[in-house]
Amino acid sequence: MQVPSSRKKSLFLDRDGVINVEKEYLHRIQDFEFIDGIFELCQAAQDAGYALFIVTNQSGIARGYYTERQFQKLMTWVLAEFSRHNVTIADYFYCPHHPTKGTGHYRIDCQCRKPKPQMLLDAAQKYDLDLSQSIMVGDKRTDIQAGQAAHVGTSALVGTGHAVSLEDQLAADVYADTLTELTSLLFPATPVSP
């Protein structure tokens, strides 16, 4: 007899191009613009029992465009905005490195920068997550590759950020043009009994 896993399933979200409109090296609250459908996607996942996490590459820190403190201040505001929409983001993980464009100690070929999976693995270890029952949502091939490298159960690509090729779409388990469409694919409404 199989014992059900007590580990939690999770929804991992890339930030730029999934949660907010893609703007190069975004780090100011006044420039942050949520993408239509993100709160509904997160509410549907939360209602289905998923813990929510943000996993984001932030090479702007490595390049010296903004500091980790500025990034964290913005993320505190982002999490508060989710909370105002009755969505709990359990935590966020970020990579401040870049292998060639970074300055000082940020210039390393790390294990956390997507497409490498370390951010997802760190979240799984810290929160006892069942990655095989989890979902990674991103707008780039590197997001999908990170999810696959971490053995996440479902990789979902959405066309709300960077241009997506047919090859990119085929690499993902699920593809949708919008977050609203993605919500209906990942969390179809339970049919009402007559």
C-alpha atoms as a PDB file:
ATOM      1  CA  MET A   1       0.000   0.000   0.000  1.00  0.00           C
ATOM      2  CA  GLN A   2       1.350   3.414  -0.967  1.00  0.00           C
ATOM      3  CA  VAL A   3       1.498   6.010   1.773  1.00  0.00           C
ATOM      4  CA  PRO A   4       0.457   9.451   0.509  1.00  0.00           C
ATOM      5  CA  SER A   5       3.246  12.013   0.611  1.00  0.00           C
ATOM      6  CA  SER A   6       2.973  14.635   3.339  1.00  0.00           C
ATOM      7  CA  ARG A   7       5.170  16.940   1.271  1.00  0.00           C
ATOM      8  CA  LYS A   8       3.524  19.984  -0.253  1.00  0.00           C
ATOM      9  CA  LYS A   9       2.958  20.586  -3.937  1.00  0.00           C
ATOM     10  CA  SER A  10       3.983  24.011  -5.172  1.00  0.00           C
ATOM     11  CA  LEU A  11       3.552  26.528  -7.950  1.00  0.00           C
ATOM     12  CA  PHE A  12       6.828  28.205  -8.913  1.00  0.00           C
ATOM     13  CA  LEU A  13       6.520  31.521 -10.722  1.00  0.00           C
ATOM     14  CA  ASP A  14       9.171  33.369 -12.649  1.00  0.00           C
ATOM     15  CA  ARG A  15       8.797  37.091 -11.931  1.00  0.00           C
ATOM     16  CA  ASP A  16       9.575  39.316 -14.923  1.00  0.00           C
ATOM     17  CA  GLY A  17       7.271  38.508 -17.833  1.00  0.00           C
ATOM     18  CA  VAL A  18       4.989  36.296 -15.703  1.00  0.00           C
ATOM     19  CA  ILE A  19       4.024  38.312 -12.620  1.00  0.00           C
ATOM     20  CA  ASN A  20       4.879  41.740 -13.999  1.00  0.00           C
ATOM     21  CA  VAL A  21       5.259  43.327 -17.406  1.00  0.00           C
ATOM     22  CA  GLU A  22       8.803  42.752 -18.671  1.00  0.00           C
ATOM     23  CA  LYS A  23      10.893  45.895 -18.235  1.00  0.00           C
ATOM     24  CA  GLU A  24      14.671  45.735 -18.372  1.00  0.00           C
ATOM     25  CA  TYR A  25      16.241  45.583 -14.918  1.00  0.00           C
ATOM     26  CA  LEU A  26      13.049  46.559 -13.107  1.00  0.00           C
ATOM     27  CA  HIS A  27      13.743  47.583  -9.511  1.00  0.00           C
ATOM     28  CA  ARG A  28      11.389  50.466  -8.650  1.00  0.00           C
ATOM     29  CA  ILE A  29       7.861  50.144  -7.299  1.00  0.00           C
ATOM     30  CA  GLN A  30       6.570  52.926  -9.573  1.00  0.00           C
ATOM     31  CA  ASP A  31       7.661  50.919 -12.651  1.00  0.00           C
ATOM     32  CA  PHE A  32       6.063  47.645 -11.526  1.00  0.00           C
ATOM     33  CA  GLU A  33       2.952  46.623 -13.491  1.00  0.00           C
ATOM     34  CA  PHE A  34       1.164  43.336 -12.743  1.00  0.00           C
ATOM     35  CA  ILE A  35       0.157  41.235 -15.755  1.00  0.00           C
ATOM     36  CA  ASP A  36      -3.573  40.607 -16.185  1.00  0.00           C
ATOM     37  CA  GLY A  37      -4.595  37.280 -14.719  1.00  0.00           C
ATOM     38  CA  ILE A  38      -1.715  36.739 -12.289  1.00  0.00           C
ATOM     39  CA  PHE A  39      -3.835  37.068  -9.146  1.00  0.00           C
ATOM     40  CA  GLU A  40      -6.493  34.731 -10.546  1.00  0.00           C
ATOM     41  CA  LEU A  41      -3.857  32.124 -11.471  1.00  0.00           C
ATOM     42  CA  CYS A  42      -2.400  32.280  -7.967  1.00  0.00           C
ATOM     43  CA  GLN A  43      -5.819  32.119  -6.296  1.00  0.00           C
ATOM     44  CA  ALA A  44      -6.717  29.039  -8.349  1.00  0.00           C
ATOM     45  CA  ALA A  45      -3.429  27.367  -7.393  1.00  0.00           C
ATOM     46  CA  GLN A  46      -3.875  28.292  -3.744  1.00  0.00           C
ATOM     47  CA  ASP A  47      -7.435  26.936  -3.757  1.00  0.00           C
ATOM     48  CA  ALA A  48      -6.076  23.688  -5.243  1.00  0.00           C
ATOM     49  CA  GLY A  49      -3.646  23.323  -2.328  1.00  0.00           C
ATOM     50  CA  TYR A  50      -0.439  24.610  -3.902  1.00  0.00           C
ATOM     51  CA  ALA A  51       2.155  26.600  -1.972  1.00  0.00           C
ATOM     52  CA  LEU A  52       3.328  29.581  -4.033  1.00  0.00           C
ATOM     53  CA  PHE A  53       6.933  30.627  -4.669  1.00  0.00           C
ATOM     54  CA  ILE A  54       8.718  33.147  -6.871  1.00  0.00           C
ATOM     55  CA  VAL A  55      12.045  32.122  -8.461  1.00  0.00           C
ATOM     56  CA  THR A  56      13.795  34.876 -10.387  1.00  0.00           C
ATOM     57  CA  ASN A  57      17.125  35.635 -12.037  1.00  0.00           C
ATOM     58  CA  GLN A  58      18.191  39.175 -11.116  1.00  0.00           C
ATOM     59  CA  SER A  59      21.364  39.876 -13.070  1.00  0.00           C
ATOM     60  CA  GLY A  60      20.742  43.596 -12.617  1.00  0.00           C
ATOM     61  CA  ILE A  61      22.230  43.129  -9.146  1.00  0.00           C
ATOM     62  CA  ALA A  62      25.328  41.473 -10.625  1.00  0.00           C
ATOM     63  CA  ARG A  63      25.650  44.252 -13.196  1.00  0.00           C
ATOM     64  CA  GLY A  64      25.455  46.948 -10.512  1.00  0.00           C
ATOM     65  CA  TYR A  65      22.183  48.461 -11.779  1.00  0.00           C
ATOM     66  CA  TYR A  66      20.524  48.059  -8.361  1.00  0.00           C
ATOM     67  CA  THR A  67      21.372  46.545  -4.995  1.00  0.00           C
ATOM     68  CA  GLU A  68      20.070  43.450  -3.229  1.00  0.00           C
ATOM     69  CA  ARG A  69      18.497  45.794  -0.684  1.00  0.00           C
ATOM     70  CA  GLN A  70      16.586  47.660  -3.427  1.00  0.00           C
ATOM     71  CA  PHE A  71      15.436  44.343  -4.880  1.00  0.00           C
ATOM     72  CA  GLN A  72      14.284  43.081  -1.473  1.00  0.00           C
ATOM     73  CA  LYS A  73      12.397  46.325  -0.809  1.00  0.00           C
ATOM     74  CA  LEU A  74      10.532  45.884  -4.096  1.00  0.00           C
ATOM     75  CA  MET A  75       9.774  42.239  -3.299  1.00  0.00           C
ATOM     76  CA  THR A  76       8.386  43.161   0.126  1.00  0.00           C
ATOM     77  CA  TRP A  77       5.941  45.455  -1.693  1.00  0.00           C
ATOM     78  CA  VAL A  78       5.128  42.753  -4.300  1.00  0.00           C
ATOM     79  CA  LEU A  79       4.299  40.191  -1.594  1.00  0.00           C
ATOM     80  CA  ALA A  80       2.111  42.763   0.176  1.00  0.00           C
ATOM     81  CA  GLU A  81       0.200  43.375  -3.078  1.00  0.00           C
ATOM     82  CA  PHE A  82      -0.419  39.639  -3.429  1.00  0.00           C
ATOM     83  CA  SER A  83      -1.618  39.563   0.168  1.00  0.00           C
ATOM     84  CA  ARG A  84      -4.074  42.381  -0.609  1.00  0.00           C
ATOM     85  CA  HIS A  85      -5.536  40.040  -3.257  1.00  0.00           C
ATOM     86  CA  ASN A  86      -5.805  37.205  -0.681  1.00  0.00           C
ATOM     87  CA  VAL A  87      -2.821  35.360  -2.140  1.00  0.00           C
ATOM     88  CA  THR A  88       0.024  34.137   0.071  1.00  0.00           C
ATOM     89  CA  ILE A  89       3.442  33.890  -1.535  1.00  0.00           C
ATOM     90  CA  ALA A  90       5.315  31.530   0.804  1.00  0.00           C
ATOM     91  CA  ASP A  91       8.738  32.822  -0.183  1.00  0.00           C
ATOM     92  CA  TYR A  92      10.878  34.075  -3.033  1.00  0.00           C
ATOM     93  CA  PHE A  93      14.277  32.948  -4.236  1.00  0.00           C
ATOM     94  CA  TYR A  94      16.565  34.961  -6.467  1.00  0.00           C
ATOM     95  CA  CYS A  95      19.879  34.678  -8.256  1.00  0.00           C
ATOM     96  CA  PRO A  96      21.983  37.871  -8.062  1.00  0.00           C
ATOM     97  CA  HIS A  97      24.828  36.438 -10.179  1.00  0.00           C
ATOM     98  CA  HIS A  98      25.979  36.522 -13.787  1.00  0.00           C
ATOM     99  CA  PRO A  99      28.866  34.429 -15.140  1.00  0.00           C
ATOM    100  CA  THR A 100      30.260  37.106 -17.500  1.00  0.00           C
ATOM    101  CA  LYS A 101      28.499  40.432 -16.848  1.00  0.00           C
ATOM    102  CA  GLY A 102      28.716  40.386 -13.064  1.00  0.00           C
ATOM    103  CA  THR A 103      30.969  42.621 -10.992  1.00  0.00           C
ATOM    104  CA  GLY A 104      33.002  41.562  -7.956  1.00  0.00           C
ATOM    105  CA  HIS A 105      31.731  38.508  -6.080  1.00  0.00           C
ATOM    106  CA  TYR A 106      28.562  38.465  -8.228  1.00  0.00           C
ATOM    107  CA  ARG A 107      30.570  37.352 -11.279  1.00  0.00           C
ATOM    108  CA  ILE A 108      30.389  33.604 -10.875  1.00  0.00           C
ATOM    109  CA  ASP A 109      29.023  30.640 -12.782  1.00  0.00           C
ATOM    110  CA  CYS A 110      26.613  29.696  -9.998  1.00  0.00           C
ATOM    111  CA  GLN A 111      24.118  26.859  -9.597  1.00  0.00           C
ATOM    112  CA  CYS A 112      21.144  29.153  -8.892  1.00  0.00           C
ATOM    113  CA  ARG A 113      20.858  31.057 -12.180  1.00  0.00           C
ATOM    114  CA  LYS A 114      18.156  29.498 -14.336  1.00  0.00           C
ATOM    115  CA  PRO A 115      18.315  27.260 -16.389  1.00  0.00           C
ATOM    116  CA  LYS A 116      20.109  25.630 -13.437  1.00  0.00           C
ATOM    117  CA  PRO A 117      17.682  24.332 -10.812  1.00  0.00           C
ATOM    118  CA  GLN A 118      19.208  25.351  -7.459  1.00  0.00           C
ATOM    119  CA  MET A 119      16.520  27.909  -6.504  1.00  0.00           C
ATOM    120  CA  LEU A 120      13.806  25.275  -6.895  1.00  0.00           C
ATOM    121  CA  LEU A 121      15.861  22.652  -5.062  1.00  0.00           C
ATOM    122  CA  ASP A 122      16.533  25.098  -2.211  1.00  0.00           C
ATOM    123  CA  ALA A 123      12.802  25.849  -1.924  1.00  0.00           C
ATOM    124  CA  ALA A 124      11.996  22.125  -1.926  1.00  0.00           C
ATOM    125  CA  GLN A 125      14.484  21.452   0.851  1.00  0.00           C
ATOM    126  CA  LYS A 126      13.473  24.440   2.978  1.00  0.00           C
ATOM    127  CA  TYR A 127       9.720  23.821   2.705  1.00  0.00           C
ATOM    128  CA  ASP A 128       9.568  20.017   2.204  1.00  0.00           C
ATOM    129  CA  LEU A 129       8.026  20.298  -1.257  1.00  0.00           C
ATOM    130  CA  ASP A 130       7.069  17.447  -3.561  1.00  0.00           C
ATOM    131  CA  LEU A 131       8.622  18.647  -6.814  1.00  0.00           C
ATOM    132  CA  SER A 132       7.047  15.806  -8.793  1.00  0.00           C
ATOM    133  CA  GLN A 133       3.602  17.254  -7.956  1.00  0.00           C
ATOM    134  CA  SER A 134       4.665  20.841  -8.568  1.00  0.00           C
ATOM    135  CA  ILE A 135       4.416  23.301 -11.478  1.00  0.00           C
ATOM    136  CA  MET A 136       6.959  25.759 -12.891  1.00  0.00           C
ATOM    137  CA  VAL A 137       5.524  28.746 -14.790  1.00  0.00           C
ATOM    138  CA  GLY A 138       7.847  30.880 -16.905  1.00  0.00           C
ATOM    139  CA  ASP A 139       8.018  33.003 -20.028  1.00  0.00           C
ATOM    140  CA  LYS A 140      11.393  31.724 -21.277  1.00  0.00           C
ATOM    141  CA  ARG A 141      12.957  28.405 -22.233  1.00  0.00           C
ATOM    142  CA  THR A 142      15.423  28.762 -19.334  1.00  0.00           C
ATOM    143  CA  ASP A 143      12.501  28.689 -16.872  1.00  0.00           C
ATOM    144  CA  ILE A 144      11.249  25.449 -18.397  1.00  0.00           C
ATOM    145  CA  GLN A 145      14.755  23.966 -18.354  1.00  0.00           C
ATOM    146  CA  ALA A 146      15.180  24.844 -14.670  1.00  0.00           C
ATOM    147  CA  GLY A 147      11.885  23.151 -13.832  1.00  0.00           C
ATOM    148  CA  GLN A 148      12.819  20.064 -15.814  1.00  0.00           C
ATOM    149  CA  ALA A 149      16.291  19.912 -14.231  1.00  0.00           C
ATOM    150  CA  ALA A 150      14.631  20.001 -10.789  1.00  0.00           C
ATOM    151  CA  HIS A 151      12.205  17.220 -11.890  1.00  0.00           C
ATOM    152  CA  VAL A 152       9.167  19.448 -11.431  1.00  0.00           C
ATOM    153  CA  GLY A 153       6.054  17.570 -12.522  1.00  0.00           C
ATOM    154  CA  THR A 154       4.694  20.168 -14.955  1.00  0.00           C
ATOM    155  CA  SER A 155       6.513  22.888 -16.866  1.00  0.00           C
ATOM    156  CA  ALA A 156       4.253  25.650 -18.157  1.00  0.00           C
ATOM    157  CA  LEU A 157       5.274  28.348 -20.624  1.00  0.00           C
ATOM    158  CA  VAL A 158       3.240  31.510 -21.064  1.00  0.00           C
ATOM    159  CA  GLY A 159       3.540  34.062 -23.853  1.00  0.00           C
ATOM    160  CA  THR A 160       3.240  37.139 -21.651  1.00  0.00           C
ATOM    161  CA  GLY A 161       6.908  38.148 -21.589  1.00  0.00           C
ATOM    162  CA  HIS A 162       9.628  37.297 -24.084  1.00  0.00           C
ATOM    163  CA  ALA A 163       8.915  36.126 -27.623  1.00  0.00           C
ATOM    164  CA  VAL A 164       8.196  32.399 -27.599  1.00  0.00           C
ATOM    165  CA  SER A 165       9.181  30.155 -30.510  1.00  0.00           C
ATOM    166  CA  LEU A 166       7.336  27.015 -31.525  1.00  0.00           C
ATOM    167  CA  GLU A 167      10.373  25.055 -30.340  1.00  0.00           C
ATOM    168  CA  ASP A 168      10.038  26.696 -26.906  1.00  0.00           C
ATOM    169  CA  GLN A 169       6.320  25.845 -26.799  1.00  0.00           C
ATOM    170  CA  LEU A 170       7.022  22.218 -27.623  1.00  0.00           C
ATOM    171  CA  ALA A 171       9.659  22.001 -24.884  1.00  0.00           C
ATOM    172  CA  ALA A 172       7.032  22.789 -22.239  1.00  0.00           C
ATOM    173  CA  ASP A 173       4.332  20.449 -20.948  1.00  0.00           C
ATOM    174  CA  VAL A 174       1.756  23.252 -21.204  1.00  0.00           C
ATOM    175  CA  TYR A 175       1.728  26.421 -23.301  1.00  0.00           C
ATOM    176  CA  ALA A 176      -0.717  29.332 -23.136  1.00  0.00           C
ATOM    177  CA  ASP A 177      -0.745  32.802 -24.668  1.00  0.00           C
ATOM    178  CA  THR A 178      -2.208  34.448 -21.560  1.00  0.00           C
ATOM    179  CA  LEU A 179      -2.324  33.822 -17.821  1.00  0.00           C
ATOM    180  CA  THR A 180      -6.106  33.479 -17.988  1.00  0.00           C
ATOM    181  CA  GLU A 181      -5.760  30.693 -20.552  1.00  0.00           C
ATOM    182  CA  LEU A 182      -3.021  29.082 -18.464  1.00  0.00           C
ATOM    183  CA  THR A 183      -5.253  29.122 -15.383  1.00  0.00           C
ATOM    184  CA  SER A 184      -7.998  27.260 -17.251  1.00  0.00           C
ATOM    185  CA  LEU A 185      -5.482  24.680 -18.512  1.00  0.00           C
ATOM    186  CA  LEU A 186      -3.748  24.064 -15.170  1.00  0.00           C
ATOM    187  CA  PHE A 187      -6.742  24.409 -12.879  1.00  0.00           C
ATOM    188  CA  PRO A 188      -9.908  23.600 -14.822  1.00  0.00           C
ATOM    189  CA  ALA A 189     -13.058  24.419 -12.913  1.00  0.00           C
ATOM    190  CA  THR A 190     -14.553  21.428 -11.180  1.00  0.00           C
ATOM    191  CA  PRO A 191     -17.818  20.489 -12.917  1.00  0.00           C
ATOM    192  CA  VAL A 192     -20.891  21.242 -10.860  1.00  0.00           C
ATOM    193  CA  SER A 193     -22.984  18.158 -10.057  1.00  0.00           C
ATOM    194  CA  PRO A 194     -26.610  18.324 -11.238  1.00  0.00           C
END
